[in-house]
Amino acid sequence: MTAQHEAPTTAAGEALEVWIDQDLCTGDGICVQYAPEVFELDIDGLAYVKSSDDELLQEPGATTPVPLPLLRDVVDSAKECPGDCIHVRRVSDRVEVYGPDAE
């Protein structure tokens, strides 16, 4: 899945997107505490990303752009997630830059 809206760019000029692997989500909600504009817990107790118009994206692998003002909060979410299920990657080449598969 790809984001429906163009992602903002980072200071390095790279557009980033984020997605959550619900198979690994522990439902702790740390991501929602850090960035409620980007993440939300659903009725199933798992976290999902939201579109830029606040719609919950429940499709497996759904991505949403990382808003530049929230970049630090999204990165902190990925670092603190106990399930290691938050993935932040560059839109251009889909390389993960934060999260469990980051190089």
N, C-alpha and C. Protein backbone atom coordinates (compact mmCIF):
# COMPACT_ATOMS: atom_id res chain seq x y z
N MET A 1 0.84 -1.18 0.00
CA MET A 1 0.00 0.00 0.00
C MET A 1 0.88 1.24 0.00
N THR A 2 0.41 2.26 -0.63
CA THR A 2 1.13 3.52 -0.63
C THR A 2 0.22 4.61 -0.10
N ALA A 3 0.83 5.66 0.35
CA ALA A 3 0.06 6.78 0.88
C ALA A 3 -0.71 7.45 -0.23
N GLN A 4 -1.88 7.95 0.09
CA GLN A 4 -2.71 8.61 -0.90
C GLN A 4 -2.32 10.06 -1.06
N HIS A 5 -1.60 10.61 -0.12
CA HIS A 5 -1.21 12.01 -0.17
C HIS A 5 0.30 12.09 -0.22
N GLU A 6 0.79 13.14 -0.84
CA GLU A 6 2.24 13.32 -0.91
C GLU A 6 2.79 13.60 0.48
N ALA A 7 3.84 12.89 0.83
CA ALA A 7 4.43 13.05 2.15
C ALA A 7 5.28 14.31 2.20
N PRO A 8 5.27 15.01 3.32
CA PRO A 8 6.18 16.14 3.49
C PRO A 8 7.62 15.64 3.52
N THR A 9 8.54 16.53 3.29
CA THR A 9 9.94 16.12 3.27
C THR A 9 10.62 16.48 4.58
N THR A 10 11.69 15.74 4.89
CA THR A 10 12.50 16.02 6.06
C THR A 10 13.47 17.12 5.72
N ALA A 11 14.25 17.52 6.69
CA ALA A 11 15.26 18.54 6.46
C ALA A 11 16.25 18.09 5.38
N ALA A 12 16.42 16.80 5.24
CA ALA A 12 17.33 16.27 4.21
C ALA A 12 16.62 16.17 2.86
N GLY A 13 15.37 16.59 2.80
CA GLY A 13 14.63 16.58 1.55
C GLY A 13 14.00 15.25 1.21
N GLU A 14 13.90 14.35 2.19
CA GLU A 14 13.34 13.03 1.95
C GLU A 14 11.93 12.93 2.51
N ALA A 15 10.99 12.53 1.67
CA ALA A 15 9.63 12.28 2.14
C ALA A 15 9.61 10.96 2.90
N LEU A 16 8.94 10.94 4.05
CA LEU A 16 8.87 9.73 4.87
C LEU A 16 7.42 9.31 5.05
N GLU A 17 7.23 8.00 5.22
CA GLU A 17 5.91 7.45 5.52
C GLU A 17 6.07 6.45 6.66
N VAL A 18 4.97 6.16 7.34
CA VAL A 18 5.00 5.25 8.48
C VAL A 18 3.90 4.22 8.33
N TRP A 19 4.17 3.01 8.82
CA TRP A 19 3.16 1.95 8.87
C TRP A 19 3.39 1.11 10.10
N ILE A 20 2.36 0.37 10.48
CA ILE A 20 2.41 -0.48 11.66
C ILE A 20 2.11 -1.92 11.26
N ASP A 21 2.93 -2.84 11.76
CA ASP A 21 2.68 -4.26 11.57
C ASP A 21 1.79 -4.73 12.72
N GLN A 22 0.50 -4.85 12.45
CA GLN A 22 -0.45 -5.22 13.52
C GLN A 22 -0.19 -6.62 14.08
N ASP A 23 0.49 -7.48 13.33
CA ASP A 23 0.81 -8.82 13.84
C ASP A 23 1.76 -8.75 15.04
N LEU A 24 2.52 -7.66 15.14
CA LEU A 24 3.48 -7.49 16.23
C LEU A 24 3.01 -6.49 17.29
N CYS A 25 1.93 -5.79 17.01
CA CYS A 25 1.44 -4.75 17.92
C CYS A 25 0.99 -5.35 19.24
N THR A 26 1.46 -4.75 20.34
CA THR A 26 1.09 -5.23 21.68
C THR A 26 -0.07 -4.44 22.27
N GLY A 27 -0.49 -3.37 21.59
CA GLY A 27 -1.62 -2.57 22.05
C GLY A 27 -1.32 -1.70 23.24
N ASP A 28 -0.05 -1.41 23.51
CA ASP A 28 0.32 -0.57 24.64
C ASP A 28 -0.11 0.88 24.47
N GLY A 29 -0.20 1.33 23.24
CA GLY A 29 -0.66 2.70 22.98
C GLY A 29 0.39 3.77 23.15
N ILE A 30 1.65 3.39 23.27
CA ILE A 30 2.71 4.38 23.42
C ILE A 30 2.75 5.30 22.20
N CYS A 31 2.53 4.72 21.02
CA CYS A 31 2.55 5.53 19.79
C CYS A 31 1.46 6.60 19.82
N VAL A 32 0.30 6.25 20.34
CA VAL A 32 -0.81 7.20 20.42
C VAL A 32 -0.47 8.32 21.40
N GLN A 33 0.24 7.99 22.47
CA GLN A 33 0.65 9.01 23.43
C GLN A 33 1.63 9.99 22.79
N TYR A 34 2.55 9.48 21.98
CA TYR A 34 3.55 10.34 21.32
C TYR A 34 2.95 11.15 20.18
N ALA A 35 2.14 10.52 19.33
CA ALA A 35 1.66 11.18 18.12
C ALA A 35 0.20 10.80 17.82
N PRO A 36 -0.75 11.32 18.60
CA PRO A 36 -2.15 10.98 18.37
C PRO A 36 -2.68 11.45 17.01
N GLU A 37 -1.97 12.38 16.38
CA GLU A 37 -2.38 12.84 15.06
C GLU A 37 -2.07 11.80 13.98
N VAL A 38 -1.17 10.86 14.30
CA VAL A 38 -0.72 9.87 13.32
C VAL A 38 -1.22 8.47 13.65
N PHE A 39 -1.31 8.14 14.95
CA PHE A 39 -1.65 6.79 15.39
C PHE A 39 -2.95 6.79 16.19
N GLU A 40 -3.64 5.64 16.14
CA GLU A 40 -4.87 5.48 16.92
C GLU A 40 -5.07 4.01 17.25
N LEU A 41 -5.55 3.74 18.47
CA LEU A 41 -5.92 2.38 18.84
C LEU A 41 -7.34 2.13 18.37
N ASP A 42 -7.57 1.00 17.73
CA ASP A 42 -8.90 0.64 17.26
C ASP A 42 -9.61 -0.22 18.30
N ILE A 43 -10.84 -0.55 18.03
CA ILE A 43 -11.65 -1.35 18.96
C ILE A 43 -11.02 -2.72 19.21
N ASP A 44 -10.19 -3.21 18.26
CA ASP A 44 -9.53 -4.50 18.43
C ASP A 44 -8.32 -4.41 19.37
N GLY A 45 -8.01 -3.20 19.86
CA GLY A 45 -6.91 -3.01 20.79
C GLY A 45 -5.56 -2.83 20.14
N LEU A 46 -5.52 -2.79 18.80
CA LEU A 46 -4.27 -2.64 18.07
C LEU A 46 -4.15 -1.22 17.52
N ALA A 47 -2.90 -0.80 17.30
CA ALA A 47 -2.64 0.53 16.77
C ALA A 47 -2.64 0.52 15.25
N TYR A 48 -3.11 1.62 14.68
CA TYR A 48 -3.14 1.81 13.24
C TYR A 48 -2.70 3.23 12.94
N VAL A 49 -2.25 3.46 11.70
CA VAL A 49 -1.96 4.83 11.27
C VAL A 49 -3.24 5.46 10.76
N LYS A 50 -3.21 6.80 10.75
CA LYS A 50 -4.37 7.56 10.26
C LYS A 50 -3.94 8.36 9.03
N SER A 51 -4.89 8.57 8.14
CA SER A 51 -4.62 9.40 6.97
C SER A 51 -4.55 10.86 7.39
N SER A 52 -4.13 11.71 6.48
CA SER A 52 -4.02 13.13 6.80
C SER A 52 -5.38 13.75 7.09
N ASP A 53 -6.47 13.09 6.68
CA ASP A 53 -7.80 13.60 7.01
C ASP A 53 -8.42 12.83 8.19
N ASP A 54 -7.56 12.21 9.02
CA ASP A 54 -7.94 11.58 10.28
C ASP A 54 -8.71 10.27 10.13
N GLU A 55 -8.64 9.64 8.97
CA GLU A 55 -9.31 8.36 8.74
C GLU A 55 -8.40 7.22 9.18
N LEU A 56 -8.93 6.27 9.95
CA LEU A 56 -8.17 5.11 10.40
C LEU A 56 -7.90 4.20 9.21
N LEU A 57 -6.64 3.85 8.98
CA LEU A 57 -6.26 3.01 7.84
C LEU A 57 -6.02 1.60 8.34
N GLN A 58 -6.99 0.72 8.12
CA GLN A 58 -6.94 -0.62 8.69
C GLN A 58 -6.42 -1.69 7.74
N GLU A 59 -6.13 -1.33 6.50
CA GLU A 59 -5.61 -2.31 5.57
C GLU A 59 -4.20 -2.72 6.02
N PRO A 60 -3.87 -4.01 5.96
CA PRO A 60 -2.51 -4.43 6.33
C PRO A 60 -1.47 -3.70 5.48
N GLY A 61 -0.46 -3.14 6.13
CA GLY A 61 0.60 -2.44 5.42
C GLY A 61 0.26 -1.03 4.99
N ALA A 62 -0.89 -0.52 5.40
CA ALA A 62 -1.28 0.84 5.02
C ALA A 62 -0.28 1.84 5.56
N THR A 63 0.08 2.81 4.74
CA THR A 63 1.04 3.82 5.14
C THR A 63 0.39 5.19 5.17
N THR A 64 1.01 6.09 5.89
CA THR A 64 0.58 7.48 5.91
C THR A 64 1.84 8.36 5.93
N PRO A 65 1.75 9.55 5.34
CA PRO A 65 2.91 10.44 5.39
C PRO A 65 3.24 10.85 6.82
N VAL A 66 4.53 11.05 7.08
CA VAL A 66 4.96 11.56 8.38
C VAL A 66 5.01 13.08 8.28
N PRO A 67 4.11 13.79 8.98
CA PRO A 67 4.15 15.25 8.94
C PRO A 67 5.45 15.76 9.57
N LEU A 68 6.12 16.65 8.89
CA LEU A 68 7.42 17.13 9.37
C LEU A 68 7.37 17.63 10.82
N PRO A 69 6.34 18.40 11.24
CA PRO A 69 6.32 18.84 12.64
C PRO A 69 6.22 17.69 13.64
N LEU A 70 5.78 16.52 13.19
CA LEU A 70 5.60 15.37 14.09
C LEU A 70 6.69 14.31 13.90
N LEU A 71 7.71 14.62 13.10
CA LEU A 71 8.74 13.63 12.81
C LEU A 71 9.38 13.09 14.08
N ARG A 72 9.78 13.93 15.00
CA ARG A 72 10.43 13.48 16.23
C ARG A 72 9.49 12.60 17.04
N ASP A 73 8.20 12.96 17.12
CA ASP A 73 7.24 12.15 17.88
C ASP A 73 7.05 10.77 17.24
N VAL A 74 7.01 10.72 15.92
CA VAL A 74 6.85 9.44 15.22
C VAL A 74 8.09 8.58 15.40
N VAL A 75 9.27 9.19 15.31
CA VAL A 75 10.53 8.46 15.52
C VAL A 75 10.61 7.93 16.95
N ASP A 76 10.24 8.77 17.93
CA ASP A 76 10.24 8.32 19.32
C ASP A 76 9.26 7.16 19.51
N SER A 77 8.12 7.21 18.85
CA SER A 77 7.15 6.12 18.91
C SER A 77 7.79 4.82 18.44
N ALA A 78 8.49 4.89 17.30
CA ALA A 78 9.13 3.69 16.75
C ALA A 78 10.20 3.17 17.70
N LYS A 79 10.97 4.07 18.32
CA LYS A 79 12.03 3.65 19.23
C LYS A 79 11.50 3.04 20.51
N GLU A 80 10.38 3.56 21.02
CA GLU A 80 9.85 3.13 22.31
C GLU A 80 8.84 1.99 22.21
N CYS A 81 8.40 1.65 21.02
CA CYS A 81 7.36 0.63 20.84
C CYS A 81 7.82 -0.73 21.36
N PRO A 82 7.11 -1.31 22.34
CA PRO A 82 7.53 -2.60 22.89
C PRO A 82 7.37 -3.75 21.89
N GLY A 83 6.51 -3.58 20.91
CA GLY A 83 6.31 -4.63 19.91
C GLY A 83 7.21 -4.51 18.70
N ASP A 84 8.02 -3.44 18.66
CA ASP A 84 8.88 -3.18 17.49
C ASP A 84 8.08 -3.32 16.19
N CYS A 85 6.93 -2.68 16.15
CA CYS A 85 6.04 -2.84 14.99
C CYS A 85 5.86 -1.58 14.16
N ILE A 86 6.51 -0.48 14.54
CA ILE A 86 6.36 0.78 13.82
C ILE A 86 7.54 0.96 12.86
N HIS A 87 7.22 1.16 11.60
CA HIS A 87 8.23 1.26 10.55
C HIS A 87 8.13 2.62 9.87
N VAL A 88 9.24 3.36 9.83
CA VAL A 88 9.31 4.65 9.15
C VAL A 88 10.29 4.48 8.00
N ARG A 89 9.83 4.78 6.80
CA ARG A 89 10.70 4.58 5.64
C ARG A 89 10.62 5.75 4.67
N ARG A 90 11.67 5.85 3.84
CA ARG A 90 11.67 6.86 2.79
C ARG A 90 10.67 6.45 1.73
N VAL A 91 9.93 7.40 1.21
CA VAL A 91 8.97 7.12 0.16
C VAL A 91 9.69 6.77 -1.13
N SER A 92 10.81 7.45 -1.41
CA SER A 92 11.50 7.31 -2.70
C SER A 92 11.98 5.89 -2.98
N ASP A 93 12.57 5.23 -1.99
CA ASP A 93 13.13 3.89 -2.23
C ASP A 93 12.63 2.84 -1.23
N ARG A 94 11.69 3.24 -0.36
CA ARG A 94 11.07 2.35 0.62
C ARG A 94 12.07 1.74 1.59
N VAL A 95 13.19 2.42 1.82
CA VAL A 95 14.19 1.96 2.79
C VAL A 95 13.79 2.47 4.17
N GLU A 96 13.75 1.52 5.12
CA GLU A 96 13.38 1.87 6.48
C GLU A 96 14.51 2.66 7.15
N VAL A 97 14.15 3.81 7.71
CA VAL A 97 15.14 4.66 8.37
C VAL A 97 14.99 4.67 9.88
N TYR A 98 13.81 4.33 10.38
CA TYR A 98 13.57 4.15 11.82
C TYR A 98 12.66 2.95 11.99
N GLY A 99 12.90 2.17 13.03
CA GLY A 99 12.10 0.99 13.28
C GLY A 99 12.96 -0.26 13.32
N PRO A 100 12.33 -1.42 13.48
CA PRO A 100 13.09 -2.66 13.69
C PRO A 100 13.94 -3.09 12.49
N ASP A 101 13.59 -2.64 11.28
CA ASP A 101 14.36 -3.06 10.10
C ASP A 101 15.28 -1.95 9.59
N ALA A 102 15.45 -0.88 10.37
CA ALA A 102 16.32 0.23 9.94
C ALA A 102 17.78 -0.23 9.91
N GLU A 103 18.51 0.29 8.94
CA GLU A 103 19.92 -0.10 8.81
C GLU A 103 20.80 0.76 9.68
